[in-house]
Amino acid sequence: MLDFEKQAIKIFKALGDETRYRIVRMLLERGELSCADFDQEFHLSKSAMSHHYRVLENSGLITTRKAGQHIFITVNRTVLRQFLPDFEKIHSRSGD
């Protein structure tokens, strides 16, 4: 299987989960967010949220950066556009 195919499968699996889909949409609409921002939106344990971040990061859909004790997350728009060119336009309010 080609690397492109492997990454595409990871991306589609990642977005196939409602929580991860909503995380990506939030990031597209609001820009960079911290884990604390997601804690207010999703009422899941820290370990569950960490799992979702890890799946999204392993698929290449998000990037994280650490600033002190805070972790900030952004959408990797390059990867998103490579595999799903119209995703932002169709699935987020910021694409209007």
C-alpha atoms as a PDB file:
ATOM      1  CA  MET A   1       0.000   0.000   0.000  1.00  0.00           C
ATOM      2  CA  LEU A   2       1.292   3.458  -0.880  1.00  0.00           C
ATOM      3  CA  ASP A   3       2.103   6.009   1.849  1.00  0.00           C
ATOM      4  CA  PHE A   4      -0.586   8.315   0.430  1.00  0.00           C
ATOM      5  CA  GLU A   5      -3.184   5.563   0.788  1.00  0.00           C
ATOM      6  CA  LYS A   6      -2.073   4.770   4.343  1.00  0.00           C
ATOM      7  CA  GLN A   7      -2.339   8.399   5.395  1.00  0.00           C
ATOM      8  CA  ALA A   8      -5.708   8.804   3.655  1.00  0.00           C
ATOM      9  CA  ILE A   9      -7.079   5.838   5.593  1.00  0.00           C
ATOM     10  CA  LYS A  10      -5.791   7.324   8.879  1.00  0.00           C
ATOM     11  CA  ILE A  11      -7.447  10.646   8.060  1.00  0.00           C
ATOM     12  CA  PHE A  12     -10.801   9.115   7.154  1.00  0.00           C
ATOM     13  CA  LYS A  13     -10.755   6.921  10.269  1.00  0.00           C
ATOM     14  CA  ALA A  14      -9.887   9.931  12.430  1.00  0.00           C
ATOM     15  CA  LEU A  15     -12.735  12.014  11.017  1.00  0.00           C
ATOM     16  CA  GLY A  16     -15.147   9.083  11.257  1.00  0.00           C
ATOM     17  CA  ASP A  17     -15.414   9.684  15.000  1.00  0.00           C
ATOM     18  CA  GLU A  18     -17.903  12.377  16.065  1.00  0.00           C
ATOM     19  CA  THR A  19     -15.641  13.921  18.712  1.00  0.00           C
ATOM     20  CA  ARG A  20     -12.632  14.172  16.410  1.00  0.00           C
ATOM     21  CA  TYR A  21     -14.783  15.554  13.597  1.00  0.00           C
ATOM     22  CA  ARG A  22     -16.090  18.240  15.973  1.00  0.00           C
ATOM     23  CA  ILE A  23     -12.550  19.032  17.183  1.00  0.00           C
ATOM     24  CA  VAL A  24     -11.395  19.655  13.605  1.00  0.00           C
ATOM     25  CA  ARG A  25     -14.464  21.807  12.862  1.00  0.00           C
ATOM     26  CA  MET A  26     -13.874  23.876  16.018  1.00  0.00           C
ATOM     27  CA  LEU A  27     -10.261  24.440  15.059  1.00  0.00           C
ATOM     28  CA  LEU A  28     -11.212  25.503  11.542  1.00  0.00           C
ATOM     29  CA  GLU A  29     -13.789  27.958  12.873  1.00  0.00           C
ATOM     30  CA  ARG A  30     -11.844  29.368  15.836  1.00  0.00           C
ATOM     31  CA  GLY A  31      -8.178  28.879  14.975  1.00  0.00           C
ATOM     32  CA  GLU A  32      -5.662  27.690  17.539  1.00  0.00           C
ATOM     33  CA  LEU A  33      -7.232  26.388  20.755  1.00  0.00           C
ATOM     34  CA  SER A  34      -5.875  25.041  24.011  1.00  0.00           C
ATOM     35  CA  CYS A  35      -6.839  21.764  25.605  1.00  0.00           C
ATOM     36  CA  ALA A  36      -8.713  23.817  28.226  1.00  0.00           C
ATOM     37  CA  ASP A  37     -10.919  25.250  25.448  1.00  0.00           C
ATOM     38  CA  PHE A  38     -11.917  21.721  24.464  1.00  0.00           C
ATOM     39  CA  ASP A  39     -12.549  20.750  28.085  1.00  0.00           C
ATOM     40  CA  GLN A  40     -15.338  23.342  28.175  1.00  0.00           C
ATOM     41  CA  GLU A  41     -16.938  21.954  25.018  1.00  0.00           C
ATOM     42  CA  PHE A  42     -16.514  18.217  25.554  1.00  0.00           C
ATOM     43  CA  HIS A  43     -17.385  16.585  28.831  1.00  0.00           C
ATOM     44  CA  LEU A  44     -14.919  13.726  28.507  1.00  0.00           C
ATOM     45  CA  SER A  45     -12.032  12.613  30.698  1.00  0.00           C
ATOM     46  CA  LYS A  46      -8.576  14.012  30.040  1.00  0.00           C
ATOM     47  CA  SER A  47      -7.407  10.569  28.944  1.00  0.00           C
ATOM     48  CA  ALA A  48     -10.266  10.279  26.432  1.00  0.00           C
ATOM     49  CA  MET A  49      -9.483  13.721  25.007  1.00  0.00           C
ATOM     50  CA  SER A  50      -5.778  12.855  24.903  1.00  0.00           C
ATOM     51  CA  HIS A  51      -6.640   9.761  22.860  1.00  0.00           C
ATOM     52  CA  HIS A  52      -8.583  11.890  20.355  1.00  0.00           C
ATOM     53  CA  TYR A  53      -5.725  14.401  20.051  1.00  0.00           C
ATOM     54  CA  ARG A  54      -3.262  11.550  19.509  1.00  0.00           C
ATOM     55  CA  VAL A  55      -5.361   9.982  16.726  1.00  0.00           C
ATOM     56  CA  LEU A  56      -5.718  13.356  14.994  1.00  0.00           C
ATOM     57  CA  GLU A  57      -2.015  14.110  15.356  1.00  0.00           C
ATOM     58  CA  ASN A  58      -0.995  10.657  14.089  1.00  0.00           C
ATOM     59  CA  SER A  59      -3.179  11.186  11.026  1.00  0.00           C
ATOM     60  CA  GLY A  60      -1.458  14.518  10.369  1.00  0.00           C
ATOM     61  CA  LEU A  61      -4.662  16.558  10.750  1.00  0.00           C
ATOM     62  CA  ILE A  62      -3.503  18.588  13.752  1.00  0.00           C
ATOM     63  CA  THR A  63      -0.297  19.945  15.166  1.00  0.00           C
ATOM     64  CA  THR A  64       0.383  20.761  18.791  1.00  0.00           C
ATOM     65  CA  ARG A  65       2.716  23.162  20.525  1.00  0.00           C
ATOM     66  CA  LYS A  66       3.530  23.457  24.176  1.00  0.00           C
ATOM     67  CA  ALA A  67       3.819  26.812  25.939  1.00  0.00           C
ATOM     68  CA  GLY A  68       4.614  26.334  29.599  1.00  0.00           C
ATOM     69  CA  GLN A  69       2.025  23.957  30.989  1.00  0.00           C
ATOM     70  CA  HIS A  70      -0.450  24.621  28.191  1.00  0.00           C
ATOM     71  CA  ILE A  71      -0.828  22.698  24.944  1.00  0.00           C
ATOM     72  CA  PHE A  72      -2.203  24.498  21.910  1.00  0.00           C
ATOM     73  CA  ILE A  73      -3.689  22.728  18.912  1.00  0.00           C
ATOM     74  CA  THR A  74      -4.141  23.831  15.301  1.00  0.00           C
ATOM     75  CA  VAL A  75      -5.435  22.186  12.146  1.00  0.00           C
ATOM     76  CA  ASN A  76      -2.769  21.214   9.653  1.00  0.00           C
ATOM     77  CA  ARG A  77      -4.533  22.861   6.726  1.00  0.00           C
ATOM     78  CA  THR A  78      -1.911  21.644   4.255  1.00  0.00           C
ATOM     79  CA  VAL A  79      -2.719  18.004   5.001  1.00  0.00           C
ATOM     80  CA  LEU A  80      -6.451  18.665   5.196  1.00  0.00           C
ATOM     81  CA  ARG A  81      -6.453  20.368   1.791  1.00  0.00           C
ATOM     82  CA  GLN A  82      -4.267  17.666   0.259  1.00  0.00           C
ATOM     83  CA  PHE A  83      -6.683  14.880   1.195  1.00  0.00           C
ATOM     84  CA  LEU A  84      -9.998  16.756   1.498  1.00  0.00           C
ATOM     85  CA  PRO A  85      -9.696  19.971  -0.535  1.00  0.00           C
ATOM     86  CA  ASP A  86     -13.254  21.200   0.091  1.00  0.00           C
ATOM     87  CA  PHE A  87     -13.617  20.042   3.702  1.00  0.00           C
ATOM     88  CA  GLU A  88     -13.227  23.510   5.212  1.00  0.00           C
ATOM     89  CA  LYS A  89     -15.661  25.093   2.773  1.00  0.00           C
ATOM     90  CA  ILE A  90     -18.308  22.412   3.276  1.00  0.00           C
ATOM     91  CA  HIS A  91     -17.941  21.520   6.948  1.00  0.00           C
ATOM     92  CA  SER A  92     -17.160  24.777   8.760  1.00  0.00           C
ATOM     93  CA  ARG A  93     -18.849  28.100   9.181  1.00  0.00           C
ATOM     94  CA  SER A  94     -15.542  29.882   8.482  1.00  0.00           C
ATOM     95  CA  GLY A  95     -15.611  28.392   4.965  1.00  0.00           C
ATOM     96  CA  ASP A  96     -18.764  30.432   4.092  1.00  0.00           C
END
